[in-house]
């Protein structure tokens, strides 16, 4: 039987909402509206930015 994971308590002085958390929520909301083709374009562009390479980088998908 698995032991429950221990969660570190939140710092009492850390705000529940920050500008970063609001920005992340907005990004997720916009990303959920993308079509599969748009998601693929953004993903490929991000991978090219991270790993370098051609603008039209393609990855094998399973």
N, C-alpha and C. Protein backbone atom coordinates (compact mmCIF):
# COMPACT_ATOMS: atom_id res chain seq x y z
N UNK A 1 0.84 -1.17 0.00
CA UNK A 1 0.00 0.00 0.00
C UNK A 1 0.88 1.24 0.00
N UNK A 2 0.55 2.22 -0.80
CA UNK A 2 1.36 3.42 -0.93
C UNK A 2 1.13 4.36 0.25
N UNK A 3 2.22 4.96 0.68
CA UNK A 3 2.15 5.95 1.73
C UNK A 3 1.71 7.28 1.13
N UNK A 4 0.88 8.05 1.81
CA UNK A 4 0.49 9.36 1.26
C UNK A 4 1.70 10.28 1.22
N UNK A 5 1.78 11.08 0.17
CA UNK A 5 2.89 12.01 0.04
C UNK A 5 2.73 13.14 1.03
N UNK A 6 3.83 13.58 1.56
CA UNK A 6 3.81 14.70 2.48
C UNK A 6 3.88 15.99 1.68
N UNK A 7 3.02 16.91 1.99
CA UNK A 7 3.00 18.19 1.31
C UNK A 7 3.57 19.23 2.26
N UNK A 8 4.53 19.99 1.75
CA UNK A 8 5.13 21.03 2.58
C UNK A 8 4.09 22.11 2.84
N UNK A 9 4.01 22.57 4.07
CA UNK A 9 3.04 23.62 4.37
C UNK A 9 3.40 24.91 3.65
N UNK A 10 2.39 25.65 3.22
CA UNK A 10 2.64 26.92 2.54
C UNK A 10 3.14 27.94 3.55
N UNK A 11 3.97 28.83 3.04
CA UNK A 11 4.47 29.89 3.91
C UNK A 11 3.31 30.81 4.27
N UNK A 12 3.16 31.14 5.53
CA UNK A 12 2.01 31.96 5.95
C UNK A 12 2.00 33.35 5.35
N UNK A 13 3.17 33.89 4.98
CA UNK A 13 3.21 35.24 4.44
C UNK A 13 3.17 35.27 2.91
N UNK A 14 3.01 34.11 2.25
CA UNK A 14 2.98 34.04 0.80
C UNK A 14 1.55 34.29 0.33
N UNK A 15 1.35 35.23 -0.60
CA UNK A 15 -0.02 35.55 -1.03
C UNK A 15 -0.66 34.41 -1.83
N UNK A 16 -1.96 34.31 -1.74
CA UNK A 16 -2.69 33.26 -2.46
C UNK A 16 -2.68 33.53 -3.96
N UNK A 17 -2.63 34.79 -4.34
CA UNK A 17 -2.63 35.15 -5.76
C UNK A 17 -1.52 36.17 -6.01
N UNK A 18 -0.77 35.93 -7.09
CA UNK A 18 0.30 36.84 -7.45
C UNK A 18 0.12 37.24 -8.91
N UNK A 19 0.91 38.20 -9.37
CA UNK A 19 0.81 38.59 -10.79
C UNK A 19 1.20 37.41 -11.68
N UNK A 20 2.15 36.59 -11.23
CA UNK A 20 2.55 35.41 -12.00
C UNK A 20 1.45 34.37 -12.08
N UNK A 21 0.74 34.17 -10.98
CA UNK A 21 -0.33 33.17 -10.99
C UNK A 21 -1.49 33.64 -11.86
N UNK A 22 -1.75 34.95 -11.85
CA UNK A 22 -2.81 35.49 -12.73
C UNK A 22 -2.41 35.35 -14.19
N UNK A 23 -1.14 35.63 -14.50
CA UNK A 23 -0.65 35.50 -15.87
C UNK A 23 -0.72 34.05 -16.34
N UNK A 24 -0.33 33.12 -15.47
CA UNK A 24 -0.38 31.70 -15.82
C UNK A 24 -1.81 31.25 -16.07
N UNK A 25 -2.76 31.70 -15.28
CA UNK A 25 -4.17 31.35 -15.48
C UNK A 25 -4.67 31.88 -16.81
N UNK A 26 -4.26 33.10 -17.15
CA UNK A 26 -4.67 33.69 -18.43
C UNK A 26 -4.07 32.90 -19.59
N UNK A 27 -2.80 32.51 -19.47
CA UNK A 27 -2.14 31.72 -20.53
C UNK A 27 -2.83 30.37 -20.72
N UNK A 28 -3.19 29.71 -19.60
CA UNK A 28 -3.90 28.42 -19.71
C UNK A 28 -5.25 28.59 -20.38
N UNK A 29 -5.96 29.66 -20.03
CA UNK A 29 -7.28 29.91 -20.61
C UNK A 29 -7.18 30.11 -22.12
N UNK A 30 -6.17 30.89 -22.55
CA UNK A 30 -5.97 31.12 -23.99
C UNK A 30 -5.52 29.85 -24.70
N UNK A 31 -4.65 29.08 -24.05
CA UNK A 31 -4.13 27.86 -24.66
C UNK A 31 -5.25 26.83 -24.86
N UNK A 32 -6.23 26.80 -23.98
CA UNK A 32 -7.33 25.84 -24.11
C UNK A 32 -8.20 26.13 -25.32
N UNK A 33 -8.11 27.34 -25.87
CA UNK A 33 -8.92 27.69 -27.04
C UNK A 33 -8.23 27.35 -28.36
N UNK A 34 -6.98 26.91 -28.31
CA UNK A 34 -6.24 26.62 -29.54
C UNK A 34 -6.73 25.33 -30.20
N UNK A 35 -6.65 25.31 -31.52
CA UNK A 35 -6.95 24.09 -32.25
C UNK A 35 -5.74 23.17 -32.16
N UNK A 36 -5.88 21.89 -32.46
CA UNK A 36 -4.72 20.99 -32.43
C UNK A 36 -3.59 21.45 -33.35
N UNK A 37 -3.93 22.02 -34.50
CA UNK A 37 -2.91 22.50 -35.43
C UNK A 37 -2.15 23.68 -34.82
N UNK A 38 -2.87 24.59 -34.17
CA UNK A 38 -2.22 25.73 -33.53
C UNK A 38 -1.34 25.28 -32.37
N UNK A 39 -1.81 24.30 -31.61
CA UNK A 39 -1.00 23.77 -30.51
C UNK A 39 0.30 23.19 -31.05
N UNK A 40 0.20 22.43 -32.16
CA UNK A 40 1.38 21.82 -32.77
C UNK A 40 2.37 22.88 -33.23
N UNK A 41 1.86 23.97 -33.84
CA UNK A 41 2.74 25.05 -34.29
C UNK A 41 3.46 25.68 -33.11
N UNK A 42 2.72 25.98 -32.05
CA UNK A 42 3.33 26.60 -30.87
C UNK A 42 4.34 25.66 -30.22
N UNK A 43 3.99 24.38 -30.14
CA UNK A 43 4.88 23.40 -29.54
C UNK A 43 6.18 23.30 -30.33
N UNK A 44 6.05 23.18 -31.65
CA UNK A 44 7.24 23.07 -32.48
C UNK A 44 8.10 24.33 -32.38
N UNK A 45 7.47 25.49 -32.35
CA UNK A 45 8.23 26.73 -32.20
C UNK A 45 8.96 26.80 -30.87
N UNK A 46 8.28 26.38 -29.80
CA UNK A 46 8.90 26.38 -28.47
C UNK A 46 10.07 25.40 -28.42
N UNK A 47 9.90 24.22 -29.00
CA UNK A 47 10.98 23.25 -29.00
C UNK A 47 12.18 23.77 -29.79
N UNK A 48 11.92 24.47 -30.89
CA UNK A 48 13.01 25.05 -31.68
C UNK A 48 13.72 26.13 -30.87
N UNK A 49 12.97 26.92 -30.09
CA UNK A 49 13.59 27.95 -29.24
C UNK A 49 14.44 27.32 -28.15
N UNK A 50 13.94 26.25 -27.55
CA UNK A 50 14.65 25.62 -26.44
C UNK A 50 15.89 24.88 -26.92
N UNK A 51 15.74 24.08 -27.97
CA UNK A 51 16.82 23.20 -28.41
C UNK A 51 17.56 23.74 -29.63
N UNK A 52 17.11 24.87 -30.19
CA UNK A 52 17.74 25.38 -31.40
C UNK A 52 17.29 24.59 -32.60
N UNK A 53 17.73 24.99 -33.74
CA UNK A 53 17.40 24.24 -34.93
C UNK A 53 16.52 25.04 -35.87
N UNK A 54 16.06 24.36 -36.89
CA UNK A 54 15.28 25.00 -37.94
C UNK A 54 13.93 25.48 -37.41
N UNK A 55 13.40 26.48 -38.07
CA UNK A 55 12.10 27.02 -37.68
C UNK A 55 11.01 25.96 -37.90
N UNK A 56 11.16 25.15 -38.89
CA UNK A 56 10.18 24.12 -39.21
C UNK A 56 10.57 22.79 -38.57
N UNK A 57 11.03 22.83 -37.34
CA UNK A 57 11.44 21.61 -36.65
C UNK A 57 10.24 20.70 -36.46
N UNK A 58 10.43 19.44 -36.76
CA UNK A 58 9.37 18.45 -36.55
C UNK A 58 9.89 17.37 -35.63
N UNK A 59 9.02 16.85 -34.82
CA UNK A 59 9.37 15.81 -33.87
C UNK A 59 8.53 14.59 -34.15
N UNK A 60 9.12 13.43 -33.89
CA UNK A 60 8.37 12.19 -34.03
C UNK A 60 7.31 12.11 -32.95
N UNK A 61 6.14 11.78 -33.32
CA UNK A 61 5.05 11.65 -32.34
C UNK A 61 4.53 10.22 -32.37
N UNK A 62 4.22 9.74 -31.19
CA UNK A 62 3.71 8.36 -31.09
C UNK A 62 2.24 8.40 -30.84
